[in-house]
């Protein structure tokens, strides 16, 4: 019998999975970001989101921040600043799949 190599796409199709884990993570991140942005300024999650730590970073390559990931996901899914106020549009665009 011949050994078959399965790619993640082929496995997903065999299991009838329509989203990758990356799509799911991006969607959840964007939904949470929209929720955060709609939140009142006095709420703790909003305060923590706006807070910037003081001091110096470690040497070496800087790690990607959560905000940078959000910006990339927004660009991929064609979302702009302020779109989170229209919840229906924000949710539908956030759940859009990435193009392979």
Foldseek 3Di string as FASTA:
>chain_A
DDDDDDDPVNVCVVVVNDADVVLVVQLVLLVVVLVLVVDDCPDPVVVVVPDDDDDDDDDDDDDDDSVNSNVVSCVQLVHDPPPSVVVVVSNVSSNDHGDD
